[in-house]
Amino acid sequence: MGKTPSLLKSGKQDRGFYSAMWDQIRSQVFWQGEIWNRKKNGDIYLEWLTISGVKNEAGDIVYYAGMFSDITKQRGHKQEEGRG
């Protein structure tokens, strides 16, 4: 609580990846795809992430909602221990 989501970055995606992701979110109010993230314990895992903008009555985006599923095992990847 009180921390930014960047705390959970795996280090596997470069700045260009995140820039393209946010460009799409801003233009289409939606993004979906695979992304490597880090758990609080430091383990890195593959997730399927969906981010959607939530608009107010005036049509302005006021929040972003994210939903994800751990797909590491479905993709056959071994979970990594704290390595980025």
C-alpha atoms as a PDB file:
ATOM      1  CA  MET A   1       0.000   0.000   0.000  1.00  0.00           C
ATOM      2  CA  GLY A   2       1.286   3.430  -0.891  1.00  0.00           C
ATOM      3  CA  LYS A   3       3.820   2.073  -3.379  1.00  0.00           C
ATOM      4  CA  THR A   4       3.767   2.271  -7.155  1.00  0.00           C
ATOM      5  CA  PRO A   5       3.259  -0.860  -9.296  1.00  0.00           C
ATOM      6  CA  SER A   6       6.797  -0.388 -10.665  1.00  0.00           C
ATOM      7  CA  LEU A   7       7.982  -2.054  -7.449  1.00  0.00           C
ATOM      8  CA  LEU A   8       6.850  -5.340  -9.027  1.00  0.00           C
ATOM      9  CA  LYS A   9       8.654  -4.929 -12.367  1.00  0.00           C
ATOM     10  CA  SER A  10      10.676  -7.966 -13.366  1.00  0.00           C
ATOM     11  CA  GLY A  11      13.281  -6.102 -15.395  1.00  0.00           C
ATOM     12  CA  LYS A  12      12.540  -8.327 -18.425  1.00  0.00           C
ATOM     13  CA  GLN A  13      10.671  -5.658 -20.425  1.00  0.00           C
ATOM     14  CA  ASP A  14      12.476  -2.523 -21.508  1.00  0.00           C
ATOM     15  CA  ARG A  15      11.274   1.065 -21.345  1.00  0.00           C
ATOM     16  CA  GLY A  16      10.041   0.830 -24.952  1.00  0.00           C
ATOM     17  CA  PHE A  17       7.684  -2.007 -24.026  1.00  0.00           C
ATOM     18  CA  TYR A  18       6.039   0.039 -21.272  1.00  0.00           C
ATOM     19  CA  SER A  19       5.936   3.144 -23.462  1.00  0.00           C
ATOM     20  CA  ALA A  20       4.097   1.247 -26.227  1.00  0.00           C
ATOM     21  CA  MET A  21       1.765  -0.354 -23.683  1.00  0.00           C
ATOM     22  CA  TRP A  22       0.773   3.034 -22.203  1.00  0.00           C
ATOM     23  CA  ASP A  23       0.452   4.617 -25.661  1.00  0.00           C
ATOM     24  CA  GLN A  24      -2.125   1.939 -26.497  1.00  0.00           C
ATOM     25  CA  ILE A  25      -3.913   2.319 -23.155  1.00  0.00           C
ATOM     26  CA  ARG A  26      -4.212   6.078 -23.673  1.00  0.00           C
ATOM     27  CA  SER A  27      -5.393   5.787 -27.279  1.00  0.00           C
ATOM     28  CA  GLN A  28      -7.654   2.733 -26.984  1.00  0.00           C
ATOM     29  CA  VAL A  29      -8.379   2.802 -23.207  1.00  0.00           C
ATOM     30  CA  PHE A  30      -7.337  -0.871 -23.139  1.00  0.00           C
ATOM     31  CA  TRP A  31      -4.288  -3.154 -23.254  1.00  0.00           C
ATOM     32  CA  GLN A  32      -3.952  -6.919 -22.991  1.00  0.00           C
ATOM     33  CA  GLY A  33      -0.924  -9.172 -23.235  1.00  0.00           C
ATOM     34  CA  GLU A  34       1.799 -11.237 -21.596  1.00  0.00           C
ATOM     35  CA  ILE A  35       4.140  -9.551 -19.165  1.00  0.00           C
ATOM     36  CA  TRP A  36       6.776 -10.744 -16.714  1.00  0.00           C
ATOM     37  CA  ASN A  37       6.227  -9.439 -13.179  1.00  0.00           C
ATOM     38  CA  ARG A  38       7.660  -9.910  -9.721  1.00  0.00           C
ATOM     39  CA  LYS A  39       5.857 -11.202  -6.643  1.00  0.00           C
ATOM     40  CA  LYS A  40       6.353  -9.543  -3.255  1.00  0.00           C
ATOM     41  CA  ASN A  41       8.699 -12.408  -2.301  1.00  0.00           C
ATOM     42  CA  GLY A  42      10.907 -11.622  -5.331  1.00  0.00           C
ATOM     43  CA  ASP A  43       9.887 -14.544  -7.589  1.00  0.00           C
ATOM     44  CA  ILE A  44       9.429 -13.636 -11.251  1.00  0.00           C
ATOM     45  CA  TYR A  45       6.415 -15.026 -13.088  1.00  0.00           C
ATOM     46  CA  LEU A  46       4.619 -14.704 -16.434  1.00  0.00           C
ATOM     47  CA  GLU A  47       1.155 -13.194 -16.329  1.00  0.00           C
ATOM     48  CA  TRP A  48      -1.667 -12.398 -18.736  1.00  0.00           C
ATOM     49  CA  LEU A  49      -2.538  -8.789 -17.952  1.00  0.00           C
ATOM     50  CA  THR A  50      -5.548  -6.724 -18.954  1.00  0.00           C
ATOM     51  CA  ILE A  51      -5.606  -2.989 -18.185  1.00  0.00           C
ATOM     52  CA  SER A  52      -8.707  -0.892 -18.866  1.00  0.00           C
ATOM     53  CA  GLY A  53      -9.413   2.775 -18.308  1.00  0.00           C
ATOM     54  CA  VAL A  54     -12.445   3.592 -16.181  1.00  0.00           C
ATOM     55  CA  LYS A  55     -14.244   6.740 -17.283  1.00  0.00           C
ATOM     56  CA  ASN A  56     -16.424   9.144 -15.335  1.00  0.00           C
ATOM     57  CA  GLU A  57     -19.747  10.553 -16.592  1.00  0.00           C
ATOM     58  CA  ALA A  58     -17.894  13.227 -18.580  1.00  0.00           C
ATOM     59  CA  GLY A  59     -15.927  10.549 -20.450  1.00  0.00           C
ATOM     60  CA  ASP A  60     -12.607  11.294 -18.745  1.00  0.00           C
ATOM     61  CA  ILE A  61     -10.431   8.404 -17.574  1.00  0.00           C
ATOM     62  CA  VAL A  62     -10.310   8.620 -13.793  1.00  0.00           C
ATOM     63  CA  TYR A  63      -8.893   5.178 -12.913  1.00  0.00           C
ATOM     64  CA  TYR A  64      -7.128   2.240 -14.476  1.00  0.00           C
ATOM     65  CA  ALA A  65      -8.208  -1.256 -13.550  1.00  0.00           C
ATOM     66  CA  GLY A  66      -5.904  -4.199 -14.040  1.00  0.00           C
ATOM     67  CA  MET A  67      -6.692  -7.878 -13.966  1.00  0.00           C
ATOM     68  CA  PHE A  68      -4.111 -10.627 -14.326  1.00  0.00           C
ATOM     69  CA  SER A  69      -3.607 -14.381 -14.220  1.00  0.00           C
ATOM     70  CA  ASP A  70      -0.365 -16.228 -13.519  1.00  0.00           C
ATOM     71  CA  ILE A  71       0.282 -18.222 -16.705  1.00  0.00           C
ATOM     72  CA  THR A  72       3.824 -19.388 -15.905  1.00  0.00           C
ATOM     73  CA  LYS A  73       2.896 -23.062 -15.650  1.00  0.00           C
ATOM     74  CA  GLN A  74       0.597 -22.982 -18.686  1.00  0.00           C
ATOM     75  CA  ARG A  75       3.491 -21.623 -20.778  1.00  0.00           C
ATOM     76  CA  GLY A  76       5.901 -24.239 -19.422  1.00  0.00           C
ATOM     77  CA  HIS A  77       8.265 -21.704 -17.865  1.00  0.00           C
ATOM     78  CA  LYS A  78      10.043 -22.482 -14.634  1.00  0.00           C
ATOM     79  CA  GLN A  79       9.486 -19.739 -12.071  1.00  0.00           C
ATOM     80  CA  GLU A  80      12.659 -17.805 -11.474  1.00  0.00           C
ATOM     81  CA  GLU A  81      13.817 -16.898  -8.002  1.00  0.00           C
ATOM     82  CA  GLY A  82      14.388 -13.165  -7.744  1.00  0.00           C
ATOM     83  CA  ARG A  83      16.433 -12.855 -10.937  1.00  0.00           C
ATOM     84  CA  GLY A  84      15.585 -10.023 -13.302  1.00  0.00           C
END
